[in-house]
């Protein structure tokens, strides 16, 4: 948990803008939107990354019979500490991409093992604003809302903003076609 957040997830400095970060393009847009909103509100930004290690549909928590010590599952060749550090690195890389936009905004970081929707709903207190991308790394690319954003909208105790990725413009499409035409054939 962040050094700036209390047990129920709310900031010591009042309401926060809470944003889910998973490394996807949708989460990147949500992070940019949340930073701008936090600046407008003069509120801290709480960047939250939820991660899970699943084995046959379950989390490693509560399965001591797999062997190894707490935090290390050598029988599977997995060290949960390494997975947590990788999750922290993902969050730091995402924040580094928007470093210029983050100037002057207090940023709290939370990396939590668990299902994304539940972690995000728990991270946002009633006075906060929860911001999520419309689609992350889940499947079903044709859905307008991803399952995580949909669950957050239905279960959060605070307002939720779902940020959609900008649609490609004709200029984007034309420049992509021009780039493909200019690249040498293999």
Protein backbone atom coordinates (compact mmCIF):
# COMPACT_ATOMS: atom_id res chain seq x y z
CA UNK A 1 0.00 0.00 0.00
CA UNK A 2 1.16 3.53 -0.66
CA UNK A 3 2.81 5.46 2.11
CA UNK A 4 0.23 8.21 1.47
CA UNK A 5 -2.88 6.02 1.69
CA UNK A 6 -4.65 4.74 4.76
CA UNK A 7 -6.17 1.27 5.23
CA UNK A 8 -9.39 1.96 3.31
CA UNK A 9 -7.40 3.31 0.37
CA UNK A 10 -8.28 6.99 0.79
CA UNK A 11 -5.52 9.57 0.71
CA UNK A 12 -4.41 11.48 3.78
CA UNK A 13 -4.68 14.59 1.59
CA UNK A 14 -8.38 14.18 0.81
CA UNK A 15 -10.00 12.67 -2.26
CA UNK A 16 -7.70 11.21 -4.90
CA UNK A 17 -7.93 10.40 -8.56
CA UNK A 18 -7.36 6.64 -8.74
CA UNK A 19 -6.28 5.13 -12.06
CA UNK A 20 -5.80 1.53 -13.13
CA UNK A 21 -2.55 0.85 -14.98
CA UNK A 22 -1.90 -2.43 -16.78
CA UNK A 23 0.53 -1.46 -19.54
CA UNK A 24 -2.13 -1.44 -22.28
CA UNK A 25 -2.83 1.43 -24.68
CA UNK A 26 -6.21 1.96 -23.00
CA UNK A 27 -4.59 2.25 -19.58
CA UNK A 28 -2.03 4.70 -20.99
CA UNK A 29 -4.87 6.97 -22.19
CA UNK A 30 -6.62 6.60 -18.81
CA UNK A 31 -3.39 7.55 -17.02
CA UNK A 32 -3.00 10.68 -19.14
CA UNK A 33 -6.63 11.66 -18.53
CA UNK A 34 -6.30 10.98 -14.79
CA UNK A 35 -3.15 13.10 -14.52
CA UNK A 36 -4.90 16.05 -16.17
CA UNK A 37 -7.92 15.60 -13.88
CA UNK A 38 -5.74 15.33 -10.76
CA UNK A 39 -4.01 18.57 -11.75
CA UNK A 40 -7.38 20.33 -12.23
CA UNK A 41 -8.67 19.07 -8.88
CA UNK A 42 -5.35 19.70 -7.13
CA UNK A 43 -5.69 16.12 -5.91
CA UNK A 44 -3.15 13.33 -5.62
CA UNK A 45 -3.11 10.64 -8.28
CA UNK A 46 -3.14 7.04 -7.04
CA UNK A 47 -1.75 4.77 -9.79
CA UNK A 48 -2.80 1.17 -9.12
CA UNK A 49 -1.51 -1.95 -10.84
CA UNK A 50 -3.21 -5.25 -10.01
CA UNK A 51 -1.43 -8.46 -10.90
CA UNK A 52 -2.16 -12.13 -10.50
CA UNK A 53 -0.25 -15.34 -10.75
CA UNK A 54 -2.70 -18.05 -11.63
CA UNK A 55 -2.22 -21.75 -11.64
CA UNK A 56 -5.16 -23.76 -12.96
CA UNK A 57 -7.39 -20.76 -12.46
CA UNK A 58 -6.27 -19.90 -8.94
CA UNK A 59 -3.91 -17.59 -7.15
CA UNK A 60 -0.81 -18.88 -5.38
CA UNK A 61 -2.12 -17.55 -2.08
CA UNK A 62 -3.59 -20.29 0.08
CA UNK A 63 -1.80 -23.21 -1.60
CA UNK A 64 1.05 -24.06 0.78
CA UNK A 65 1.11 -27.68 -0.39
CA UNK A 66 2.86 -26.62 -3.59
CA UNK A 67 6.14 -26.59 -1.69
CA UNK A 68 8.76 -23.90 -1.22
CA UNK A 69 8.65 -21.20 1.38
CA UNK A 70 6.24 -18.30 1.80
CA UNK A 71 6.60 -16.12 -1.29
CA UNK A 72 8.59 -18.71 -3.19
CA UNK A 73 7.12 -21.61 -5.12
CA UNK A 74 10.24 -23.44 -6.21
CA UNK A 75 8.27 -26.54 -7.21
CA UNK A 76 6.76 -24.36 -9.98
CA UNK A 77 9.97 -22.43 -10.59
CA UNK A 78 8.21 -19.23 -9.52
CA UNK A 79 9.20 -16.66 -6.95
CA UNK A 80 6.20 -14.45 -6.17
CA UNK A 81 8.60 -11.71 -5.08
CA UNK A 82 10.00 -11.62 -8.62
CA UNK A 83 6.47 -11.35 -10.01
CA UNK A 84 5.68 -8.49 -7.64
CA UNK A 85 8.90 -6.67 -8.64
CA UNK A 86 7.98 -7.12 -12.31
CA UNK A 87 4.57 -5.60 -11.57
CA UNK A 88 6.25 -2.66 -9.82
CA UNK A 89 8.53 -2.22 -12.84
CA UNK A 90 5.53 -2.16 -15.17
CA UNK A 91 3.92 0.61 -13.12
CA UNK A 92 7.16 2.61 -13.02
CA UNK A 93 7.60 2.30 -16.82
CA UNK A 94 4.02 3.49 -17.37
CA UNK A 95 4.60 6.49 -15.10
CA UNK A 96 7.94 7.25 -16.79
CA UNK A 97 6.13 7.51 -20.15
CA UNK A 98 4.02 10.38 -18.82
CA UNK A 99 6.69 12.00 -16.67
CA UNK A 100 6.35 15.42 -18.36
CA UNK A 101 2.57 15.41 -17.88
CA UNK A 102 2.96 14.39 -14.23
CA UNK A 103 4.95 17.43 -13.16
CA UNK A 104 3.37 19.06 -10.11
CA UNK A 105 1.02 16.12 -9.38
CA UNK A 106 1.53 14.06 -6.22
CA UNK A 107 1.61 10.40 -7.29
CA UNK A 108 0.89 7.49 -4.97
CA UNK A 109 1.78 4.02 -6.24
CA UNK A 110 0.02 0.78 -5.35
CA UNK A 111 0.92 -2.65 -6.67
CA UNK A 112 -1.50 -5.29 -5.40
CA UNK A 113 -1.83 -9.00 -6.11
CA UNK A 114 -5.42 -9.77 -7.00
CA UNK A 115 -8.07 -9.51 -9.69
CA UNK A 116 -7.95 -6.09 -11.35
CA UNK A 117 -11.59 -5.05 -10.84
CA UNK A 118 -11.61 -5.96 -7.15
CA UNK A 119 -8.28 -4.28 -6.49
CA UNK A 120 -9.38 -1.07 -8.24
CA UNK A 121 -12.76 -0.95 -6.50
CA UNK A 122 -11.03 -1.46 -3.13
CA UNK A 123 -8.40 1.22 -3.92
CA UNK A 124 -11.03 3.91 -4.49
CA UNK A 125 -12.78 5.43 -1.47
CA UNK A 126 -16.22 7.08 -1.68
CA UNK A 127 -14.79 10.60 -2.18
CA UNK A 128 -12.33 9.54 -4.90
CA UNK A 129 -12.66 9.39 -8.68
CA UNK A 130 -11.79 6.06 -10.32
CA UNK A 131 -10.43 6.20 -13.87
CA UNK A 132 -10.05 3.11 -16.06
CA UNK A 133 -9.35 2.44 -19.72
CA UNK A 134 -12.13 1.05 -21.87
CA UNK A 135 -10.16 -2.10 -22.67
CA UNK A 136 -6.96 -3.49 -21.24
CA UNK A 137 -5.13 -6.73 -21.82
CA UNK A 138 -8.25 -8.89 -21.70
CA UNK A 139 -9.68 -10.67 -24.71
CA UNK A 140 -12.85 -9.91 -26.65
CA UNK A 141 -11.41 -6.98 -28.58
CA UNK A 142 -14.82 -6.05 -30.01
CA UNK A 143 -16.32 -5.14 -26.63
CA UNK A 144 -16.98 -1.45 -26.04
CA UNK A 145 -16.24 -1.84 -22.34
CA UNK A 146 -13.80 -4.37 -20.99
CA UNK A 147 -14.87 -6.64 -18.19
CA UNK A 148 -12.73 -4.77 -15.65
CA UNK A 149 -14.12 -1.35 -16.56
CA UNK A 150 -17.64 -2.76 -16.54
CA UNK A 151 -17.18 -4.28 -13.07
CA UNK A 152 -15.70 -1.02 -11.78
CA UNK A 153 -18.66 0.98 -13.10
CA UNK A 154 -21.08 -1.36 -11.35
CA UNK A 155 -19.29 -1.89 -8.04
CA UNK A 156 -17.20 1.19 -7.21
CA UNK A 157 -18.27 3.35 -4.26
CA UNK A 158 -17.27 6.49 -6.15
CA UNK A 159 -17.74 8.04 -9.60
CA UNK A 160 -15.99 6.12 -12.41
CA UNK A 161 -14.66 7.54 -15.68
CA UNK A 162 -14.05 5.11 -18.53
CA UNK A 163 -11.55 6.57 -20.98
CA UNK A 164 -11.76 5.33 -24.55
CA UNK A 165 -8.77 5.32 -26.86
CA UNK A 166 -8.95 7.93 -29.60
CA UNK A 167 -10.21 6.53 -32.87
CA UNK A 168 -7.69 6.59 -35.72
CA UNK A 169 -8.22 9.57 -37.97
CA UNK A 170 -7.95 9.61 -41.76
CA UNK A 171 -4.52 11.23 -41.31
CA UNK A 172 -3.40 8.36 -39.05
CA UNK A 173 -4.66 5.83 -41.58
CA UNK A 174 -3.06 7.66 -44.50
CA UNK A 175 0.30 8.02 -42.74
CA UNK A 176 0.22 4.32 -41.81
CA UNK A 177 -0.50 3.37 -45.42
CA UNK A 178 2.26 5.71 -46.62
CA UNK A 179 4.72 4.17 -44.15
CA UNK A 180 3.84 0.66 -45.31
CA UNK A 181 4.21 1.70 -48.95
CA UNK A 182 7.59 3.30 -48.25
CA UNK A 183 9.01 0.28 -46.40
CA UNK A 184 10.98 -2.20 -48.47
CA UNK A 185 9.26 -5.49 -49.27
CA UNK A 186 10.75 -8.58 -47.70
